[in-house]
């Protein structure tokens, strides 16, 4: 990577300050990511480019299934599948028994959410940056149970307003849904502070970490959340169709999932079953073994790099893009918050985000567009229909970032 002297200096200083932060081997990362060589890939907030070990794990197991059948192939990888939970637990500072594997962050989130008992008059709190899938689930349960959905306001800088949230808490609040890093911009919410308020009031806290795990260092013990959902395909660089759920051990056995099978429970008598005592109560027996092994490979890849090192690299790229884009007169940045993730959101005056995305794609630059319906409360409040979303991972070079900015500058000039 063609880095500036200042960036190299910062990395060397950081390495000297803490021996716990690994050295970032950029050349090895590039060698492991052939998909980034012929394009500028800026959509890791959507579905990132898997490194070679992930591809090898998935394809290798599919070939084994073709040779000996799915059952035998899975039996041969029992230990490897168990290691997936253990590695995820290491990544987020949990125990393997607290991890349930699934096929998406949304499935993980909803499986936990629908297991929380609600009655008429109970309250659920969601934030202004709530993702559509989670908000829809909350509204559906409110309609079915007679519970109420209340919205926690945001501060002037966009984060969840913990002071306002504190004033909203009472004994009727049963669940608080928090978003760690929203899908439509670089905001990072103060999760630990909000969780403390909710837990002190006796509410269950469910964290949407879809955009944070793999990008930000996530420690469930420090955040003290009751549950966390995450996906494999985004910043973790795993396969699509993978995700996981963390559940705090102290509340695990008090929650009964809405759906069970012979994996999440055991049939022990003609009219009796026993639910699994660990987080596998939120799993089903049938799953894609190949992609689950790929998820494990992605987690190990991040563990080898180090979560703090990965975030330092991602944050540097996001900061670089914001600074460069801010120099273009007709570009408007839309990232809220005082601390930023690697997601960079913006618009170009006079040009629709969809057109910007499509024009960039013609020049081998991949971004995506975040639309109002995905984060309805936030986008409506800010009067935005859609924004361009650029999300550079640590495998993106500075030269590629410059190429992207140059193209945005050209499109902005055409628009004027």
Protein backbone atom coordinates (compact mmCIF):
# COMPACT_ATOMS: atom_id res chain seq x y z
CA UNK A 1 0.00 0.00 0.00
CA UNK A 2 1.29 3.46 -0.89
CA UNK A 3 0.98 5.01 2.56
CA UNK A 4 1.81 8.54 3.60
CA UNK A 5 4.80 9.08 5.88
CA UNK A 6 2.44 10.26 8.62
CA UNK A 7 0.40 7.05 8.42
CA UNK A 8 3.52 4.87 8.54
CA UNK A 9 4.78 6.85 11.51
CA UNK A 10 1.46 6.40 13.34
CA UNK A 11 1.60 2.66 12.76
CA UNK A 12 5.15 2.40 14.08
CA UNK A 13 4.30 4.49 17.12
CA UNK A 14 1.23 2.35 17.79
CA UNK A 15 3.27 -0.85 17.53
CA UNK A 16 5.79 0.51 20.03
CA UNK A 17 3.04 1.56 22.46
CA UNK A 18 1.44 -1.88 22.68
CA UNK A 19 2.94 -5.27 22.01
CA UNK A 20 -0.63 -6.61 21.99
CA UNK A 21 -1.32 -4.97 18.62
CA UNK A 22 0.02 -7.18 15.80
CA UNK A 23 1.95 -5.83 12.86
CA UNK A 24 -0.35 -5.51 9.86
CA UNK A 25 1.04 -7.56 6.97
CA UNK A 26 -0.56 -5.68 4.11
CA UNK A 27 1.16 -7.65 1.35
CA UNK A 28 -0.15 -10.94 2.73
CA UNK A 29 -3.66 -9.48 2.93
CA UNK A 30 -3.47 -8.42 -0.72
CA UNK A 31 -2.19 -11.85 -1.73
CA UNK A 32 -5.12 -13.43 0.10
CA UNK A 33 -7.66 -11.14 -1.61
CA UNK A 34 -7.34 -11.50 -5.38
CA UNK A 35 -10.75 -9.86 -5.85
CA UNK A 36 -9.38 -6.46 -4.84
CA UNK A 37 -6.66 -6.30 -7.50
CA UNK A 38 -8.72 -5.27 -10.52
CA UNK A 39 -11.33 -3.12 -8.81
CA UNK A 40 -11.77 -0.54 -6.10
CA UNK A 41 -13.99 -2.41 -3.68
CA UNK A 42 -15.78 -0.13 -1.21
CA UNK A 43 -18.74 -2.24 -0.09
CA UNK A 44 -17.62 -4.21 2.94
CA UNK A 45 -20.64 -2.79 4.78
CA UNK A 46 -22.74 -4.74 2.27
CA UNK A 47 -20.90 -7.97 1.50
CA UNK A 48 -17.12 -7.96 1.63
CA UNK A 49 -14.49 -9.89 -0.34
CA UNK A 50 -13.62 -13.15 1.45
CA UNK A 51 -9.92 -13.94 1.86
CA UNK A 52 -8.51 -17.07 0.26
CA UNK A 53 -8.69 -19.24 3.42
CA UNK A 54 -12.45 -18.65 3.56
CA UNK A 55 -12.87 -19.63 -0.09
CA UNK A 56 -10.71 -22.72 0.43
CA UNK A 57 -12.75 -23.79 3.46
CA UNK A 58 -16.09 -23.47 1.65
CA UNK A 59 -15.08 -24.97 -1.68
CA UNK A 60 -13.00 -27.69 -0.03
CA UNK A 61 -15.94 -28.91 2.01
CA UNK A 62 -18.32 -28.79 -0.95
CA UNK A 63 -15.88 -31.00 -2.86
CA UNK A 64 -15.75 -33.39 0.09
CA UNK A 65 -19.55 -33.54 0.18
CA UNK A 66 -19.53 -34.37 -3.52
CA UNK A 67 -17.10 -37.20 -2.83
CA UNK A 68 -18.59 -38.87 0.26
CA UNK A 69 -21.98 -37.22 0.90
CA UNK A 70 -23.05 -34.48 3.25
CA UNK A 71 -23.51 -36.58 6.40
CA UNK A 72 -20.09 -38.21 6.34
CA UNK A 73 -18.39 -34.98 5.34
CA UNK A 74 -19.99 -33.21 8.30
CA UNK A 75 -19.04 -36.00 10.72
CA UNK A 76 -15.43 -35.57 9.65
CA UNK A 77 -15.56 -31.89 10.66
CA UNK A 78 -17.23 -32.12 14.05
CA UNK A 79 -14.21 -30.68 15.84
CA UNK A 80 -13.79 -27.92 13.25
CA UNK A 81 -17.45 -26.95 13.60
CA UNK A 82 -17.11 -26.79 17.39
CA UNK A 83 -14.07 -24.57 16.92
CA UNK A 84 -16.19 -22.03 15.03
CA UNK A 85 -18.12 -21.26 18.23
CA UNK A 86 -14.92 -21.19 20.26
CA UNK A 87 -13.23 -18.76 17.88
CA UNK A 88 -16.26 -16.44 17.80
CA UNK A 89 -16.31 -16.54 21.59
CA UNK A 90 -12.64 -15.56 21.65
CA UNK A 91 -13.30 -12.70 19.25
CA UNK A 92 -16.06 -11.13 21.36
CA UNK A 93 -14.80 -12.24 24.81
CA UNK A 94 -17.52 -14.77 25.56
CA UNK A 95 -17.84 -18.51 26.24
CA UNK A 96 -18.53 -20.98 23.39
CA UNK A 97 -21.69 -22.14 25.16
CA UNK A 98 -23.09 -18.63 24.73
CA UNK A 99 -22.79 -18.68 20.92
CA UNK A 100 -25.48 -19.90 18.52
CA UNK A 101 -24.66 -20.18 14.84
CA UNK A 102 -27.21 -19.20 12.21
CA UNK A 103 -27.70 -18.08 8.65
CA UNK A 104 -27.80 -14.29 9.10
CA UNK A 105 -27.68 -11.46 11.61
CA UNK A 106 -31.38 -10.81 11.05
CA UNK A 107 -32.28 -14.41 11.87
CA UNK A 108 -30.09 -14.28 14.98
CA UNK A 109 -31.64 -10.98 16.10
CA UNK A 110 -35.24 -12.09 15.53
CA UNK A 111 -34.75 -15.53 17.08
CA UNK A 112 -33.72 -13.87 20.32
CA UNK A 113 -36.18 -10.98 20.07
CA UNK A 114 -39.23 -13.23 19.66
CA UNK A 115 -38.18 -15.28 22.69
CA UNK A 116 -38.46 -12.28 25.05
CA UNK A 117 -41.90 -12.43 26.76
CA UNK A 118 -44.12 -9.38 26.18
CA UNK A 119 -47.56 -8.51 27.52
CA UNK A 120 -50.05 -5.68 26.97
CA UNK A 121 -48.61 -2.41 28.23
CA UNK A 122 -44.99 -3.56 28.11
CA UNK A 123 -42.60 -1.21 26.37
CA UNK A 124 -39.82 -1.74 23.83
CA UNK A 125 -37.30 1.02 23.18
CA UNK A 126 -35.64 1.39 19.79
CA UNK A 127 -33.22 4.07 18.61
CA UNK A 128 -33.42 6.56 15.76
CA UNK A 129 -30.82 4.57 13.82
CA UNK A 130 -32.79 1.30 14.04
CA UNK A 131 -32.53 -0.97 11.01
CA UNK A 132 -35.76 -1.72 9.14
CA UNK A 133 -35.82 -5.47 9.81
CA UNK A 134 -35.58 -4.92 13.57
CA UNK A 135 -38.11 -2.07 13.61
CA UNK A 136 -40.62 -4.14 11.62
CA UNK A 137 -40.25 -7.03 14.07
CA UNK A 138 -40.83 -4.67 17.01
CA UNK A 139 -43.94 -3.21 15.38
CA UNK A 140 -45.28 -6.66 14.57
CA UNK A 141 -44.87 -7.85 18.16
CA UNK A 142 -46.45 -4.67 19.47
CA UNK A 143 -49.47 -5.36 17.28
CA UNK A 144 -49.65 -8.99 18.40
CA UNK A 145 -49.05 -8.52 22.13
CA UNK A 146 -50.36 -5.07 22.99
CA UNK A 147 -46.87 -3.88 23.87
CA UNK A 148 -45.69 -0.40 22.88
CA UNK A 149 -42.70 0.72 20.80
CA UNK A 150 -41.06 3.96 21.95
CA UNK A 151 -38.23 5.76 20.17
CA UNK A 152 -35.20 7.01 22.06
CA UNK A 153 -34.17 10.40 20.64
CA UNK A 154 -30.71 11.20 19.34
CA UNK A 155 -28.26 13.85 20.47
CA UNK A 156 -27.46 16.80 18.17
CA UNK A 157 -24.48 14.78 16.91
CA UNK A 158 -26.65 11.74 16.15
CA UNK A 159 -25.80 9.23 18.89
CA UNK A 160 -28.47 7.68 21.05
CA UNK A 161 -29.29 10.21 23.78
CA UNK A 162 -28.47 8.28 26.95
CA UNK A 163 -29.75 11.09 29.18
CA UNK A 164 -33.11 11.10 27.41
CA UNK A 165 -33.16 7.31 27.51
CA UNK A 166 -32.61 7.38 31.26
CA UNK A 167 -35.70 9.53 31.63
CA UNK A 168 -37.74 7.07 29.61
CA UNK A 169 -36.96 4.02 31.73
CA UNK A 170 -39.57 2.48 34.02
CA UNK A 171 -40.64 -0.99 35.11
CA UNK A 172 -42.68 -1.45 31.92
CA UNK A 173 -39.60 -1.33 29.65
CA UNK A 174 -38.86 -4.98 28.95
CA UNK A 175 -36.45 -4.70 26.04
CA UNK A 176 -34.06 -2.09 24.65
CA UNK A 177 -32.79 -2.52 21.09
CA UNK A 178 -29.46 -0.83 20.40
CA UNK A 179 -27.57 -0.38 17.13
CA UNK A 180 -23.80 -0.38 17.52
CA UNK A 181 -22.96 1.04 14.08
CA UNK A 182 -25.84 1.98 11.75
CA UNK A 183 -25.96 0.79 8.17
CA UNK A 184 -26.33 4.26 6.62
CA UNK A 185 -23.28 6.10 7.96
CA UNK A 186 -20.19 6.26 10.13
CA UNK A 187 -21.88 6.77 13.50
CA UNK A 188 -20.81 4.66 16.50
CA UNK A 189 -23.31 4.59 19.35
CA UNK A 190 -22.37 4.68 23.08
CA UNK A 191 -23.52 1.13 23.73
CA UNK A 192 -21.92 0.56 27.14
CA UNK A 193 -23.49 3.72 28.61
CA UNK A 194 -26.94 2.91 27.22
CA UNK A 195 -26.72 -0.69 28.37
CA UNK A 196 -25.88 0.37 31.90
CA UNK A 197 -29.04 2.47 32.07
CA UNK A 198 -31.23 -0.29 30.65
CA UNK A 199 -29.81 -3.06 32.83
CA UNK A 200 -30.16 -0.93 35.98
CA UNK A 201 -33.88 -0.64 35.16
CA UNK A 202 -34.23 -4.40 34.66
CA UNK A 203 -34.63 -4.29 30.86
CA UNK A 204 -33.09 -6.78 28.45
CA UNK A 205 -30.60 -5.28 25.97
CA UNK A 206 -30.32 -6.68 22.44
CA UNK A 207 -27.44 -5.27 20.37
CA UNK A 208 -27.45 -5.17 16.58
CA UNK A 209 -23.73 -5.61 15.84
CA UNK A 210 -24.21 -6.37 12.15
CA UNK A 211 -21.93 -3.49 11.09
CA UNK A 212 -19.51 -3.63 14.01
CA UNK A 213 -18.25 -7.20 14.46
CA UNK A 214 -15.25 -7.55 12.16
CA UNK A 215 -14.76 -3.81 11.99
CA UNK A 216 -14.79 -2.57 15.59
CA UNK A 217 -13.32 -4.43 18.55
CA UNK A 218 -16.37 -5.91 20.32
CA UNK A 219 -16.21 -7.12 23.92
CA UNK A 220 -19.54 -8.38 25.25
CA UNK A 221 -18.26 -8.35 28.84
CA UNK A 222 -17.39 -4.67 28.61
CA UNK A 223 -20.56 -3.75 26.73
CA UNK A 224 -22.58 -5.92 29.17
CA UNK A 225 -25.37 -6.59 26.67
CA UNK A 226 -27.77 -9.49 27.12
CA UNK A 227 -27.62 -10.54 23.49
CA UNK A 228 -25.77 -9.63 20.32
CA UNK A 229 -26.40 -10.50 16.68
CA UNK A 230 -23.86 -10.36 13.86
CA UNK A 231 -23.36 -11.44 10.27
CA UNK A 232 -20.50 -13.18 8.51
CA UNK A 233 -20.69 -11.54 5.12
CA UNK A 234 -19.79 -7.94 6.00
CA UNK A 235 -16.69 -6.82 7.91
CA UNK A 236 -15.88 -10.38 9.04
CA UNK A 237 -15.32 -11.24 5.35
CA UNK A 238 -17.14 -14.54 5.67
CA UNK A 239 -19.61 -16.21 3.30
CA UNK A 240 -23.17 -15.06 2.77
CA UNK A 241 -25.76 -17.06 4.66
CA UNK A 242 -23.82 -17.02 7.94
CA UNK A 243 -24.31 -15.23 11.23
CA UNK A 244 -24.32 -15.76 14.96
CA UNK A 245 -26.06 -14.90 18.19
CA UNK A 246 -24.49 -14.30 21.59
CA UNK A 247 -26.70 -14.70 24.68
CA UNK A 248 -25.56 -13.79 28.20
CA UNK A 249 -25.40 -17.03 30.22
CA UNK A 250 -27.38 -15.61 33.14
CA UNK A 251 -30.55 -15.21 31.05
CA UNK A 252 -30.08 -18.04 28.56
CA UNK A 253 -32.22 -20.70 30.22
CA UNK A 254 -35.00 -18.22 31.01
CA UNK A 255 -35.78 -17.71 27.32
CA UNK A 256 -37.61 -20.24 25.17
CA UNK A 257 -37.21 -19.81 21.41
CA UNK A 258 -40.39 -19.62 19.37
CA UNK A 259 -39.19 -22.45 17.14
CA UNK A 260 -37.48 -25.70 18.16
CA UNK A 261 -36.30 -28.85 16.44
CA UNK A 262 -34.40 -32.01 17.39
CA UNK A 263 -31.15 -30.03 17.70
CA UNK A 264 -32.38 -27.15 19.84
CA UNK A 265 -34.36 -29.60 21.99
CA UNK A 266 -34.44 -33.33 22.71
CA UNK A 267 -37.58 -35.49 22.54
CA UNK A 268 -37.40 -37.45 25.80
CA UNK A 269 -40.92 -38.91 26.11
CA UNK A 270 -44.16 -39.27 24.15
CA UNK A 271 -45.31 -35.84 25.34
CA UNK A 272 -42.12 -34.36 26.71
CA UNK A 273 -39.09 -32.53 25.33
CA UNK A 274 -36.09 -30.87 26.92
CA UNK A 275 -34.60 -27.66 25.51
CA UNK A 276 -30.82 -27.44 25.14
CA UNK A 277 -29.18 -25.79 28.14
CA UNK A 278 -26.77 -23.70 26.07
CA UNK A 279 -27.13 -21.29 23.13
CA UNK A 280 -27.73 -24.16 20.70
CA UNK A 281 -31.38 -23.83 21.77
CA UNK A 282 -31.38 -21.03 19.16
CA UNK A 283 -30.03 -23.30 16.40
CA UNK A 284 -31.61 -25.78 13.99
CA UNK A 285 -30.08 -29.11 13.03
CA UNK A 286 -29.98 -28.46 9.28
CA UNK A 287 -27.41 -25.92 8.17
CA UNK A 288 -24.86 -25.22 5.47
CA UNK A 289 -21.73 -26.91 6.79
CA UNK A 290 -19.47 -25.46 4.09
CA UNK A 291 -20.39 -21.84 4.77
CA UNK A 292 -20.23 -22.40 8.53
CA UNK A 293 -16.67 -23.64 8.12
CA UNK A 294 -16.03 -20.58 5.97
CA UNK A 295 -17.29 -18.37 8.79
CA UNK A 296 -14.84 -20.06 11.13
CA UNK A 297 -12.00 -19.40 8.68
CA UNK A 298 -13.02 -15.73 8.49
CA UNK A 299 -13.03 -15.36 12.27
CA UNK A 300 -9.61 -17.01 12.58
CA UNK A 301 -8.30 -14.70 9.85
CA UNK A 302 -9.41 -11.68 11.87
CA UNK A 303 -8.01 -13.12 15.09
CA UNK A 304 -4.64 -13.51 13.37
CA UNK A 305 -4.71 -9.86 12.28
CA UNK A 306 -6.14 -8.63 15.58
CA UNK A 307 -9.45 -6.80 15.97
CA UNK A 308 -7.79 -3.60 17.18
CA UNK A 309 -5.30 -3.62 14.30
CA UNK A 310 -8.09 -4.22 11.78
CA UNK A 311 -10.14 -1.33 13.15
CA UNK A 312 -7.11 0.99 13.11
CA UNK A 313 -6.67 0.24 9.40
CA UNK A 314 -10.37 0.58 8.58
CA UNK A 315 -10.70 3.80 10.58
CA UNK A 316 -7.68 5.32 8.82
CA UNK A 317 -9.24 4.64 5.44
CA UNK A 318 -12.59 6.09 6.48
CA UNK A 319 -10.89 9.20 7.85
CA UNK A 320 -8.85 9.55 4.66
CA UNK A 321 -11.97 9.39 2.49
CA UNK A 322 -13.90 11.91 4.58
CA UNK A 323 -11.04 14.37 4.41
CA UNK A 324 -10.61 13.96 0.65
CA UNK A 325 -14.32 14.11 -0.17
CA UNK A 326 -14.78 17.21 1.98
CA UNK A 327 -12.53 19.09 -0.46
CA UNK A 328 -15.04 18.63 -3.30
CA UNK A 329 -17.48 21.59 -3.19
CA UNK A 330 -20.61 19.72 -4.30
CA UNK A 331 -20.06 16.65 -2.10
CA UNK A 332 -22.02 16.62 1.17
CA UNK A 333 -20.88 14.21 3.87
CA UNK A 334 -23.63 12.73 6.04
CA UNK A 335 -21.74 10.82 8.73
CA UNK A 336 -23.01 11.61 12.22
CA UNK A 337 -21.33 11.03 15.56
CA UNK A 338 -18.14 12.06 17.31
CA UNK A 339 -16.50 8.67 16.77
CA UNK A 340 -16.63 7.14 13.32
CA UNK A 341 -16.66 3.67 11.84
CA UNK A 342 -15.28 2.88 8.40
CA UNK A 343 -18.60 3.65 6.69
CA UNK A 344 -18.56 6.92 4.72
CA UNK A 345 -21.90 8.29 3.54
CA UNK A 346 -22.34 11.23 1.18
CA UNK A 347 -24.32 12.75 -1.65
CA UNK A 348 -23.31 14.76 -4.70
CA UNK A 349 -25.47 17.82 -5.25
CA UNK A 350 -27.50 17.49 -8.43
CA UNK A 351 -26.86 13.77 -8.95
CA UNK A 352 -28.80 10.84 -7.54
CA UNK A 353 -26.87 8.32 -5.41
CA UNK A 354 -28.07 5.52 -7.72
CA UNK A 355 -26.50 7.25 -10.70
CA UNK A 356 -23.25 7.79 -8.81
CA UNK A 357 -23.16 4.10 -7.92
CA UNK A 358 -23.86 3.01 -11.49
CA UNK A 359 -21.29 5.35 -13.02
CA UNK A 360 -18.65 4.20 -10.56
CA UNK A 361 -19.37 0.57 -11.38
CA UNK A 362 -18.58 1.25 -15.04
CA UNK A 363 -15.10 2.19 -13.87
CA UNK A 364 -14.61 -0.89 -11.67
CA UNK A 365 -15.42 0.93 -8.44
CA UNK A 366 -17.95 -0.74 -6.15
CA UNK A 367 -20.05 1.23 -3.68
CA UNK A 368 -23.67 0.85 -2.66
CA UNK A 369 -26.63 3.10 -1.89
CA UNK A 370 -28.40 3.24 1.46
CA UNK A 371 -32.07 4.10 1.02
CA UNK A 372 -34.51 5.78 3.39
CA UNK A 373 -36.61 2.65 3.92
CA UNK A 374 -33.64 0.84 5.52
CA UNK A 375 -33.25 3.41 8.32
CA UNK A 376 -36.55 5.22 8.07
CA UNK A 377 -36.46 7.18 11.34
CA UNK A 378 -32.99 8.61 10.87
CA UNK A 379 -33.20 9.35 7.15
CA UNK A 380 -36.64 10.96 7.47
CA UNK A 381 -35.47 13.14 10.36
CA UNK A 382 -32.55 14.34 8.28
CA UNK A 383 -34.57 14.77 5.08
CA UNK A 384 -32.58 12.18 3.13
CA UNK A 385 -34.01 9.78 0.56
CA UNK A 386 -30.72 7.97 -0.09
CA UNK A 387 -26.96 8.31 0.32
CA UNK A 388 -23.92 6.82 -1.38
CA UNK A 389 -22.20 4.45 1.04
CA UNK A 390 -18.48 3.76 0.68
CA UNK A 391 -17.03 1.25 3.12
CA UNK A 392 -13.31 0.52 2.62
CA UNK A 393 -11.84 -2.49 4.40
CA UNK A 394 -8.19 -2.90 5.35
CA UNK A 395 -7.36 -4.48 1.97
CA UNK A 396 -8.08 -1.24 0.07
CA UNK A 397 -4.95 0.70 -0.92
CA UNK A 398 -4.49 4.44 -0.67
CA UNK A 399 -4.02 4.55 -4.42
CA UNK A 400 -7.46 2.98 -4.84
CA UNK A 401 -8.98 5.52 -2.46
CA UNK A 402 -7.42 8.29 -4.54
CA UNK A 403 -8.82 6.70 -7.69
CA UNK A 404 -12.29 6.71 -6.13
CA UNK A 405 -12.02 10.36 -5.05
CA UNK A 406 -10.81 11.38 -8.49
CA UNK A 407 -13.83 9.73 -10.07
CA UNK A 408 -16.20 11.40 -7.61
CA UNK A 409 -14.59 14.73 -8.42
CA UNK A 410 -15.19 14.08 -12.12
CA UNK A 411 -18.83 13.12 -11.58
CA UNK A 412 -19.36 16.12 -9.34
CA UNK A 413 -17.97 18.40 -12.05
CA UNK A 414 -20.31 16.89 -14.64
CA UNK A 415 -23.24 17.47 -12.31
CA UNK A 416 -22.49 21.16 -12.11
